[in-house]
């Protein structure tokens, strides 16, 4: 890894994955499966994986439970970040943030622009921290999940990444 600290040891964190969709099932959830595969290949642990419909209160209920769980360090949500009437993920989670991570959406859209051009303007990818838990919301396509993981999250969720990473500031249950 570029910008890795010499001699530092990898610290796996526990990551929950939430797919927001009215139509996906465990069998058809390619985006959620991609994120699970990527985080486990990187050496992290899957805390839980779930699918909920595009409903503010269902999304908020699952994410709130994970925020309160000391065994969940980060949450990655895929889906519900577009411009359609049913896309409500940012509205569901933003009120939960203690601190927004403004740069995540900005960097995601810059990366996405290289891949899909000006259509990235419709992405409402957001991130924040709540009760020491990192929360990242990305579009529902597998391509968007791949870009978010491979070009942002794999490094930012690795304590060895320098000059800074999110692992140093999220809650880690050391029990």
N, C-alpha and C. Protein backbone atom coordinates (compact mmCIF):
# COMPACT_ATOMS: atom_id res chain seq x y z
N UNK A 1 0.84 -1.18 0.00
CA UNK A 1 0.00 0.00 0.00
C UNK A 1 0.89 1.24 0.00
N UNK A 2 0.56 2.14 -0.90
CA UNK A 2 1.27 3.42 -0.94
C UNK A 2 0.93 4.20 0.33
N UNK A 3 1.84 4.94 0.86
CA UNK A 3 1.65 5.74 2.08
C UNK A 3 1.42 4.89 3.32
N UNK A 4 1.91 3.67 3.35
CA UNK A 4 1.76 2.82 4.53
C UNK A 4 2.90 3.09 5.51
N UNK A 5 2.57 3.04 6.78
CA UNK A 5 3.57 3.24 7.83
C UNK A 5 4.46 2.00 7.90
N UNK A 6 5.74 2.20 7.90
CA UNK A 6 6.68 1.09 7.98
C UNK A 6 6.60 0.44 9.36
N UNK A 7 6.47 -0.89 9.36
CA UNK A 7 6.47 -1.63 10.61
C UNK A 7 5.14 -1.65 11.35
N UNK A 8 4.17 -0.86 10.92
CA UNK A 8 2.88 -0.85 11.60
C UNK A 8 2.12 -2.13 11.28
N UNK A 9 1.35 -2.60 12.25
CA UNK A 9 0.56 -3.81 12.06
C UNK A 9 -0.86 -3.45 11.65
N UNK A 10 -1.44 -4.26 10.77
CA UNK A 10 -2.82 -4.08 10.36
C UNK A 10 -3.74 -4.30 11.55
N UNK A 11 -4.76 -3.49 11.68
CA UNK A 11 -5.75 -3.62 12.74
C UNK A 11 -7.11 -3.85 12.10
N UNK A 12 -7.62 -5.08 12.13
CA UNK A 12 -8.93 -5.32 11.54
C UNK A 12 -10.01 -4.62 12.36
N UNK A 13 -10.98 -4.08 11.65
CA UNK A 13 -12.13 -3.49 12.32
C UNK A 13 -13.38 -4.27 11.91
N UNK A 14 -14.45 -4.06 12.66
CA UNK A 14 -15.72 -4.74 12.37
C UNK A 14 -16.61 -3.78 11.60
N UNK A 15 -17.00 -4.21 10.40
CA UNK A 15 -17.76 -3.37 9.48
C UNK A 15 -19.11 -4.03 9.19
N UNK A 16 -20.18 -3.26 9.31
CA UNK A 16 -21.52 -3.70 8.95
C UNK A 16 -21.86 -3.16 7.57
N UNK A 17 -22.56 -3.95 6.78
CA UNK A 17 -22.95 -3.54 5.42
C UNK A 17 -24.47 -3.56 5.33
N UNK A 18 -25.02 -2.44 4.86
CA UNK A 18 -26.47 -2.31 4.69
C UNK A 18 -26.77 -1.98 3.24
N UNK A 19 -27.61 -2.79 2.63
CA UNK A 19 -28.10 -2.51 1.29
C UNK A 19 -29.49 -1.92 1.41
N UNK A 20 -29.70 -0.77 0.77
CA UNK A 20 -31.00 -0.11 0.77
C UNK A 20 -31.61 -0.32 -0.61
N UNK A 21 -32.70 -1.09 -0.65
CA UNK A 21 -33.33 -1.40 -1.93
C UNK A 21 -34.74 -1.96 -1.71
N UNK A 22 -35.62 -1.61 -2.60
CA UNK A 22 -36.97 -2.18 -2.58
C UNK A 22 -37.04 -3.50 -3.35
N UNK A 23 -35.99 -3.82 -4.10
CA UNK A 23 -36.08 -4.98 -4.97
C UNK A 23 -34.99 -6.04 -4.76
N UNK A 24 -33.92 -5.72 -4.09
CA UNK A 24 -32.83 -6.70 -3.95
C UNK A 24 -33.09 -7.69 -2.83
N UNK A 25 -32.56 -8.88 -3.04
CA UNK A 25 -32.62 -9.95 -2.05
C UNK A 25 -31.18 -10.38 -1.79
N UNK A 26 -30.98 -11.28 -0.84
CA UNK A 26 -29.63 -11.79 -0.59
C UNK A 26 -29.03 -12.37 -1.87
N UNK A 27 -29.86 -13.00 -2.68
CA UNK A 27 -29.39 -13.64 -3.90
C UNK A 27 -29.00 -12.62 -4.97
N UNK A 28 -29.71 -11.49 -5.05
CA UNK A 28 -29.47 -10.51 -6.12
C UNK A 28 -28.68 -9.29 -5.67
N UNK A 29 -28.24 -9.26 -4.43
CA UNK A 29 -27.52 -8.10 -3.89
C UNK A 29 -26.04 -8.15 -4.24
N UNK A 30 -25.73 -7.84 -5.49
CA UNK A 30 -24.33 -7.90 -5.94
C UNK A 30 -23.49 -6.80 -5.29
N UNK A 31 -24.06 -5.65 -5.04
CA UNK A 31 -23.29 -4.55 -4.43
C UNK A 31 -22.91 -4.85 -2.99
N UNK A 32 -23.88 -5.32 -2.21
CA UNK A 32 -23.59 -5.68 -0.83
C UNK A 32 -22.58 -6.81 -0.75
N UNK A 33 -22.73 -7.78 -1.63
CA UNK A 33 -21.80 -8.91 -1.67
C UNK A 33 -20.39 -8.44 -2.04
N UNK A 34 -20.29 -7.51 -3.00
CA UNK A 34 -18.99 -6.97 -3.38
C UNK A 34 -18.32 -6.31 -2.19
N UNK A 35 -19.06 -5.50 -1.44
CA UNK A 35 -18.49 -4.82 -0.27
C UNK A 35 -18.03 -5.82 0.78
N UNK A 36 -18.84 -6.84 1.03
CA UNK A 36 -18.47 -7.87 2.00
C UNK A 36 -17.19 -8.58 1.55
N UNK A 37 -17.14 -8.96 0.28
CA UNK A 37 -15.94 -9.63 -0.24
C UNK A 37 -14.71 -8.74 -0.10
N UNK A 38 -14.84 -7.46 -0.45
CA UNK A 38 -13.71 -6.54 -0.40
C UNK A 38 -13.21 -6.34 1.03
N UNK A 39 -14.14 -6.12 1.97
CA UNK A 39 -13.71 -5.84 3.35
C UNK A 39 -13.07 -7.08 3.98
N UNK A 40 -13.59 -8.24 3.65
CA UNK A 40 -13.01 -9.46 4.22
C UNK A 40 -11.66 -9.77 3.57
N UNK A 41 -11.54 -9.55 2.27
CA UNK A 41 -10.26 -9.75 1.59
C UNK A 41 -9.20 -8.82 2.17
N UNK A 42 -9.61 -7.61 2.56
CA UNK A 42 -8.67 -6.65 3.16
C UNK A 42 -8.27 -7.05 4.58
N UNK A 43 -8.98 -8.01 5.17
CA UNK A 43 -8.64 -8.47 6.51
C UNK A 43 -9.56 -7.99 7.62
N UNK A 44 -10.62 -7.27 7.25
CA UNK A 44 -11.58 -6.79 8.25
C UNK A 44 -12.60 -7.88 8.55
N UNK A 45 -13.40 -7.66 9.57
CA UNK A 45 -14.44 -8.60 9.97
C UNK A 45 -15.80 -8.04 9.61
N UNK A 46 -16.69 -8.90 9.12
CA UNK A 46 -18.06 -8.50 8.85
C UNK A 46 -18.85 -8.57 10.15
N UNK A 47 -19.32 -7.42 10.61
CA UNK A 47 -20.12 -7.38 11.84
C UNK A 47 -21.53 -7.90 11.58
N UNK A 48 -22.10 -7.48 10.45
CA UNK A 48 -23.45 -7.89 10.09
C UNK A 48 -23.72 -7.38 8.69
N UNK A 49 -24.63 -8.05 7.98
CA UNK A 49 -25.09 -7.58 6.68
C UNK A 49 -26.60 -7.64 6.68
N UNK A 50 -27.21 -6.59 6.15
CA UNK A 50 -28.67 -6.52 6.14
C UNK A 50 -29.15 -5.82 4.88
N UNK A 51 -30.40 -6.05 4.53
CA UNK A 51 -31.07 -5.37 3.43
C UNK A 51 -32.35 -4.78 3.97
N UNK A 52 -32.59 -3.49 3.70
CA UNK A 52 -33.86 -2.85 4.07
C UNK A 52 -34.40 -2.10 2.87
N UNK A 53 -35.70 -1.84 2.90
CA UNK A 53 -36.30 -1.08 1.80
C UNK A 53 -35.97 0.40 1.93
N UNK A 54 -36.26 1.14 0.87
CA UNK A 54 -35.99 2.58 0.84
C UNK A 54 -36.98 3.29 1.75
N UNK A 55 -36.77 3.20 3.03
CA UNK A 55 -37.65 3.79 4.03
C UNK A 55 -36.77 4.45 5.10
N UNK A 56 -36.95 5.74 5.28
CA UNK A 56 -36.12 6.49 6.22
C UNK A 56 -36.05 5.81 7.59
N UNK A 57 -37.17 5.36 8.10
CA UNK A 57 -37.21 4.84 9.47
C UNK A 57 -36.62 3.44 9.58
N UNK A 58 -36.76 2.62 8.55
CA UNK A 58 -36.11 1.31 8.58
C UNK A 58 -34.59 1.46 8.49
N UNK A 59 -34.16 2.35 7.61
CA UNK A 59 -32.71 2.61 7.49
C UNK A 59 -32.17 3.12 8.82
N UNK A 60 -32.84 4.13 9.35
CA UNK A 60 -32.38 4.76 10.59
C UNK A 60 -32.36 3.76 11.75
N UNK A 61 -33.35 2.87 11.80
CA UNK A 61 -33.42 1.89 12.90
C UNK A 61 -32.20 0.94 12.87
N UNK A 62 -31.89 0.42 11.69
CA UNK A 62 -30.75 -0.50 11.58
C UNK A 62 -29.45 0.22 11.90
N UNK A 63 -29.26 1.39 11.30
CA UNK A 63 -28.01 2.13 11.51
C UNK A 63 -27.88 2.57 12.97
N UNK A 64 -28.97 2.99 13.58
CA UNK A 64 -28.94 3.39 15.00
C UNK A 64 -28.52 2.23 15.89
N UNK A 65 -29.01 1.03 15.59
CA UNK A 65 -28.63 -0.15 16.37
C UNK A 65 -27.14 -0.40 16.24
N UNK A 66 -26.61 -0.26 15.02
CA UNK A 66 -25.18 -0.48 14.82
C UNK A 66 -24.34 0.60 15.48
N UNK A 67 -24.81 1.84 15.46
CA UNK A 67 -24.09 2.94 16.12
C UNK A 67 -23.98 2.66 17.62
N UNK A 68 -25.02 2.11 18.20
CA UNK A 68 -25.05 1.83 19.64
C UNK A 68 -24.26 0.58 20.02
N UNK A 69 -23.92 -0.25 19.05
CA UNK A 69 -23.21 -1.51 19.29
C UNK A 69 -21.70 -1.25 19.34
N UNK A 70 -21.09 -1.51 20.48
CA UNK A 70 -19.65 -1.25 20.61
C UNK A 70 -18.82 -2.19 19.73
N UNK A 71 -19.43 -3.24 19.19
CA UNK A 71 -18.72 -4.17 18.33
C UNK A 71 -18.75 -3.80 16.86
N UNK A 72 -19.38 -2.67 16.51
CA UNK A 72 -19.41 -2.21 15.12
C UNK A 72 -18.61 -0.92 15.04
N UNK A 73 -17.53 -0.95 14.24
CA UNK A 73 -16.66 0.22 14.09
C UNK A 73 -17.04 1.10 12.92
N UNK A 74 -17.58 0.48 11.87
CA UNK A 74 -17.94 1.22 10.66
C UNK A 74 -19.15 0.58 10.00
N UNK A 75 -19.87 1.41 9.26
CA UNK A 75 -21.05 0.98 8.51
C UNK A 75 -20.88 1.48 7.09
N UNK A 76 -21.10 0.59 6.13
CA UNK A 76 -21.13 1.00 4.74
C UNK A 76 -22.53 0.71 4.22
N UNK A 77 -23.17 1.76 3.70
CA UNK A 77 -24.52 1.64 3.16
C UNK A 77 -24.45 1.81 1.66
N UNK A 78 -25.05 0.90 0.93
CA UNK A 78 -25.12 0.99 -0.51
C UNK A 78 -26.57 1.14 -0.95
N UNK A 79 -26.82 2.16 -1.76
CA UNK A 79 -28.15 2.38 -2.29
C UNK A 79 -28.86 3.56 -1.64
N UNK A 80 -29.81 4.10 -2.38
CA UNK A 80 -30.65 5.17 -1.86
C UNK A 80 -30.02 6.55 -1.86
N UNK A 81 -28.95 6.73 -2.64
CA UNK A 81 -28.24 8.02 -2.63
C UNK A 81 -28.48 8.84 -3.89
N UNK A 82 -29.38 8.39 -4.74
CA UNK A 82 -29.64 9.11 -5.99
C UNK A 82 -30.67 10.22 -5.82
N UNK A 83 -31.30 10.57 -6.91
CA UNK A 83 -32.22 11.71 -6.93
C UNK A 83 -33.69 11.31 -7.03
N UNK A 84 -34.00 10.03 -7.11
CA UNK A 84 -35.40 9.65 -7.25
C UNK A 84 -36.15 9.88 -5.93
N UNK A 85 -37.44 9.87 -6.01
CA UNK A 85 -38.28 10.10 -4.83
C UNK A 85 -38.01 9.07 -3.73
N UNK A 86 -37.70 7.83 -4.12
CA UNK A 86 -37.47 6.76 -3.15
C UNK A 86 -36.07 6.80 -2.54
N UNK A 87 -35.15 7.58 -3.09
CA UNK A 87 -33.78 7.65 -2.58
C UNK A 87 -33.72 8.53 -1.34
N UNK A 88 -33.64 7.89 -0.16
CA UNK A 88 -33.72 8.64 1.11
C UNK A 88 -32.58 8.34 2.09
N UNK A 89 -31.56 7.64 1.63
CA UNK A 89 -30.48 7.27 2.55
C UNK A 89 -29.83 8.48 3.21
N UNK A 90 -29.44 9.52 2.47
CA UNK A 90 -28.83 10.68 3.15
C UNK A 90 -29.76 11.31 4.19
N UNK A 91 -31.03 11.41 3.87
CA UNK A 91 -32.00 11.98 4.82
C UNK A 91 -32.14 11.11 6.06
N UNK A 92 -32.01 9.79 5.88
CA UNK A 92 -32.14 8.87 7.01
C UNK A 92 -30.96 8.95 7.96
N UNK A 93 -29.75 9.03 7.42
CA UNK A 93 -28.57 8.94 8.29
C UNK A 93 -27.97 10.27 8.71
N UNK A 94 -28.10 11.31 7.91
CA UNK A 94 -27.47 12.59 8.24
C UNK A 94 -27.86 13.11 9.63
N UNK A 95 -29.13 12.98 10.05
CA UNK A 95 -29.46 13.45 11.40
C UNK A 95 -28.76 12.67 12.52
N UNK A 96 -28.23 11.51 12.20
CA UNK A 96 -27.53 10.70 13.21
C UNK A 96 -26.08 11.12 13.38
N UNK A 97 -25.52 11.83 12.41
CA UNK A 97 -24.10 12.19 12.45
C UNK A 97 -23.79 13.16 13.58
N UNK A 98 -22.76 12.85 14.35
CA UNK A 98 -22.18 13.83 15.28
C UNK A 98 -21.28 14.77 14.50
N UNK A 99 -20.59 14.21 13.49
CA UNK A 99 -19.72 15.00 12.61
C UNK A 99 -19.85 14.47 11.19
N UNK A 100 -20.18 15.34 10.25
CA UNK A 100 -20.16 14.88 8.85
C UNK A 100 -18.72 14.79 8.36
N UNK A 101 -18.50 13.92 7.40
CA UNK A 101 -17.20 13.81 6.74
C UNK A 101 -17.41 14.34 5.32
N UNK A 102 -17.36 15.64 5.20
CA UNK A 102 -17.69 16.32 3.94
C UNK A 102 -16.81 15.85 2.78
N UNK A 103 -15.55 15.62 3.04
CA UNK A 103 -14.63 15.26 1.98
C UNK A 103 -14.95 13.94 1.31
N UNK A 104 -15.64 13.03 2.00
CA UNK A 104 -15.93 11.73 1.40
C UNK A 104 -16.77 11.89 0.14
N UNK A 105 -17.88 12.60 0.24
CA UNK A 105 -18.73 12.80 -0.94
C UNK A 105 -18.01 13.53 -2.04
N UNK A 106 -17.21 14.51 -1.67
CA UNK A 106 -16.46 15.28 -2.67
C UNK A 106 -15.47 14.39 -3.41
N UNK A 107 -14.71 13.59 -2.67
CA UNK A 107 -13.72 12.72 -3.30
C UNK A 107 -14.41 11.62 -4.10
N UNK A 108 -15.49 11.07 -3.56
CA UNK A 108 -16.22 10.02 -4.30
C UNK A 108 -16.70 10.56 -5.64
N UNK A 109 -17.29 11.74 -5.65
CA UNK A 109 -17.79 12.31 -6.91
C UNK A 109 -16.65 12.64 -7.88
N UNK A 110 -15.51 13.05 -7.37
CA UNK A 110 -14.36 13.31 -8.25
C UNK A 110 -13.91 12.01 -8.92
N UNK A 111 -13.84 10.94 -8.15
CA UNK A 111 -13.47 9.64 -8.70
C UNK A 111 -14.53 9.16 -9.69
N UNK A 112 -15.77 9.29 -9.29
CA UNK A 112 -16.89 8.85 -10.12
C UNK A 112 -16.96 9.61 -11.44
N UNK A 113 -16.57 10.86 -11.41
CA UNK A 113 -16.61 11.66 -12.65
C UNK A 113 -15.67 11.08 -13.69
N UNK A 114 -14.54 10.53 -13.26
CA UNK A 114 -13.62 9.87 -14.18
C UNK A 114 -14.28 8.68 -14.86
N UNK A 115 -15.23 8.05 -14.17
CA UNK A 115 -15.83 6.82 -14.65
C UNK A 115 -17.16 7.02 -15.38
N UNK A 116 -18.00 7.95 -14.89
CA UNK A 116 -19.33 8.11 -15.49
C UNK A 116 -19.61 9.53 -15.96
N UNK A 117 -18.59 10.36 -15.95
CA UNK A 117 -18.75 11.72 -16.45
C UNK A 117 -19.66 12.57 -15.58
N UNK A 118 -20.37 13.47 -16.22
CA UNK A 118 -21.19 14.44 -15.48
C UNK A 118 -22.37 13.81 -14.75
N UNK A 119 -22.70 12.57 -15.04
CA UNK A 119 -23.81 11.91 -14.32
C UNK A 119 -23.54 11.80 -12.83
N UNK A 120 -22.28 11.93 -12.44
CA UNK A 120 -21.94 11.87 -11.01
C UNK A 120 -22.60 12.99 -10.22
N UNK A 121 -23.03 14.03 -10.89
CA UNK A 121 -23.66 15.15 -10.19
C UNK A 121 -24.93 14.71 -9.44
N UNK A 122 -25.50 13.59 -9.86
CA UNK A 122 -26.72 13.10 -9.21
C UNK A 122 -26.44 12.22 -8.00
N UNK A 123 -25.16 11.96 -7.72
CA UNK A 123 -24.80 11.15 -6.56
C UNK A 123 -24.84 12.00 -5.29
N UNK A 124 -25.49 11.48 -4.28
CA UNK A 124 -25.53 12.16 -2.99
C UNK A 124 -24.78 11.32 -1.95
N UNK A 125 -23.63 10.78 -2.35
CA UNK A 125 -22.79 10.01 -1.42
C UNK A 125 -22.41 10.90 -0.25
N UNK A 126 -22.57 10.38 0.96
CA UNK A 126 -22.27 11.14 2.17
C UNK A 126 -21.59 10.22 3.18
N UNK A 127 -20.98 10.83 4.18
CA UNK A 127 -20.38 10.06 5.26
C UNK A 127 -20.36 10.91 6.52
N UNK A 128 -20.23 10.23 7.63
CA UNK A 128 -20.14 10.94 8.90
C UNK A 128 -19.75 9.98 10.01
N UNK A 129 -19.66 10.54 11.20
CA UNK A 129 -19.32 9.76 12.37
C UNK A 129 -20.42 9.96 13.41
N UNK A 130 -20.84 8.88 14.04
CA UNK A 130 -21.87 8.93 15.08
C UNK A 130 -21.47 7.98 16.20
N UNK A 131 -21.33 8.51 17.40
CA UNK A 131 -20.95 7.71 18.56
C UNK A 131 -19.67 6.91 18.30
N UNK A 132 -18.75 7.51 17.56
CA UNK A 132 -17.48 6.85 17.26
C UNK A 132 -17.55 5.83 16.14
N UNK A 133 -18.71 5.69 15.52
CA UNK A 133 -18.89 4.75 14.41
C UNK A 133 -18.83 5.51 13.10
N UNK A 134 -18.03 5.02 12.17
CA UNK A 134 -17.94 5.62 10.85
C UNK A 134 -19.09 5.13 9.99
N UNK A 135 -19.70 6.03 9.22
CA UNK A 135 -20.82 5.68 8.35
C UNK A 135 -20.55 6.24 6.97
N UNK A 136 -20.57 5.36 5.96
CA UNK A 136 -20.33 5.76 4.58
C UNK A 136 -21.53 5.34 3.74
N UNK A 137 -22.08 6.26 2.98
CA UNK A 137 -23.23 5.99 2.12
C UNK A 137 -22.82 6.17 0.67
N UNK A 138 -22.92 5.09 -0.11
CA UNK A 138 -22.51 5.11 -1.51
C UNK A 138 -23.66 4.65 -2.39
N UNK A 139 -23.61 5.00 -3.67
CA UNK A 139 -24.66 4.54 -4.59
C UNK A 139 -24.77 3.02 -4.62
N UNK A 140 -25.89 2.55 -5.16
CA UNK A 140 -26.19 1.13 -5.15
C UNK A 140 -25.58 0.29 -6.24
N UNK A 141 -24.92 0.89 -7.20
CA UNK A 141 -24.34 0.08 -8.28
C UNK A 141 -23.05 -0.59 -7.79
N UNK A 142 -22.78 -1.75 -8.36
CA UNK A 142 -21.53 -2.45 -8.01
C UNK A 142 -20.31 -1.62 -8.39
N UNK A 143 -20.40 -0.91 -9.51
CA UNK A 143 -19.28 -0.06 -9.93
C UNK A 143 -18.99 1.02 -8.93
N UNK A 144 -20.03 1.65 -8.40
CA UNK A 144 -19.85 2.70 -7.40
C UNK A 144 -19.27 2.12 -6.11
N UNK A 145 -19.74 0.95 -5.70
CA UNK A 145 -19.20 0.30 -4.50
C UNK A 145 -17.74 -0.06 -4.68
N UNK A 146 -17.40 -0.56 -5.86
CA UNK A 146 -16.01 -0.92 -6.16
C UNK A 146 -15.13 0.33 -6.08
N UNK A 147 -15.58 1.41 -6.71
CA UNK A 147 -14.80 2.66 -6.70
C UNK A 147 -14.62 3.19 -5.28
N UNK A 148 -15.71 3.21 -4.51
CA UNK A 148 -15.64 3.72 -3.14
C UNK A 148 -14.68 2.89 -2.30
N UNK A 149 -14.76 1.56 -2.41
CA UNK A 149 -13.88 0.71 -1.61
C UNK A 149 -12.44 0.80 -2.10
N UNK A 150 -12.24 0.55 -3.40
CA UNK A 150 -10.88 0.43 -3.94
C UNK A 150 -10.11 1.74 -3.94
N UNK A 151 -10.81 2.86 -4.03
CA UNK A 151 -10.10 4.12 -4.20
C UNK A 151 -10.17 5.04 -2.99
N UNK A 152 -11.01 4.68 -2.00
CA UNK A 152 -11.09 5.51 -0.78
C UNK A 152 -11.02 4.64 0.47
N UNK A 153 -12.00 3.77 0.63
CA UNK A 153 -12.19 3.08 1.91
C UNK A 153 -11.08 2.09 2.26
N UNK A 154 -10.55 1.37 1.29
CA UNK A 154 -9.51 0.39 1.61
C UNK A 154 -8.33 1.06 2.32
N UNK A 155 -7.99 2.27 1.93
CA UNK A 155 -6.89 2.99 2.59
C UNK A 155 -7.35 3.65 3.88
N UNK A 156 -8.48 4.32 3.85
CA UNK A 156 -8.93 5.07 5.02
C UNK A 156 -9.37 4.17 6.18
N UNK A 157 -9.65 2.90 5.88
CA UNK A 157 -10.00 1.95 6.95
C UNK A 157 -8.82 1.04 7.29
N UNK A 158 -7.62 1.49 6.98
CA UNK A 158 -6.39 0.76 7.29
C UNK A 158 -5.53 1.66 8.17
N UNK A 159 -5.29 1.23 9.40
CA UNK A 159 -4.55 2.04 10.37
C UNK A 159 -3.13 2.35 9.90
N UNK A 160 -2.63 1.59 8.96
CA UNK A 160 -1.27 1.81 8.46
C UNK A 160 -1.19 2.94 7.45
N UNK A 161 -2.32 3.40 6.94
CA UNK A 161 -2.31 4.45 5.91
C UNK A 161 -1.93 5.79 6.52
N UNK A 162 -0.98 6.45 5.89
CA UNK A 162 -0.47 7.74 6.37
C UNK A 162 -0.70 8.79 5.32
N UNK A 163 -0.88 10.03 5.65
CA UNK A 163 -0.63 10.62 6.96
C UNK A 163 -1.79 10.46 7.94
N UNK A 164 -2.98 10.08 7.46
CA UNK A 164 -4.08 9.88 8.41
C UNK A 164 -5.05 8.85 7.86
N UNK A 165 -5.87 8.32 8.76
CA UNK A 165 -6.89 7.34 8.40
C UNK A 165 -8.00 7.42 9.44
N UNK A 166 -9.11 6.80 9.14
CA UNK A 166 -10.26 6.87 10.04
C UNK A 166 -10.19 5.88 11.21
N UNK A 167 -9.38 4.85 11.10
CA UNK A 167 -9.31 3.84 12.15
C UNK A 167 -8.84 4.48 13.46
N UNK A 168 -7.93 5.43 13.36
CA UNK A 168 -7.39 6.08 14.56
C UNK A 168 -8.45 6.86 15.34
N UNK A 169 -9.55 7.23 14.67
CA UNK A 169 -10.54 8.06 15.36
C UNK A 169 -11.87 7.35 15.61
N UNK A 170 -12.04 6.12 15.11
CA UNK A 170 -13.31 5.45 15.38
C UNK A 170 -13.21 4.66 16.68
N UNK A 171 -14.37 4.32 17.22
CA UNK A 171 -14.37 3.54 18.47
C UNK A 171 -13.90 2.13 18.17
N UNK A 172 -13.00 1.66 18.97
CA UNK A 172 -12.50 0.29 18.88
C UNK A 172 -12.73 -0.36 20.24
N UNK A 173 -13.53 -1.43 20.25
CA UNK A 173 -13.79 -2.17 21.48
C UNK A 173 -12.59 -3.06 21.76
N UNK A 174 -11.86 -2.76 22.81
CA UNK A 174 -10.64 -3.51 23.11
C UNK A 174 -10.86 -4.61 24.15
N UNK A 175 -12.10 -4.98 24.39
CA UNK A 175 -12.39 -6.06 25.36
C UNK A 175 -11.90 -7.39 24.87
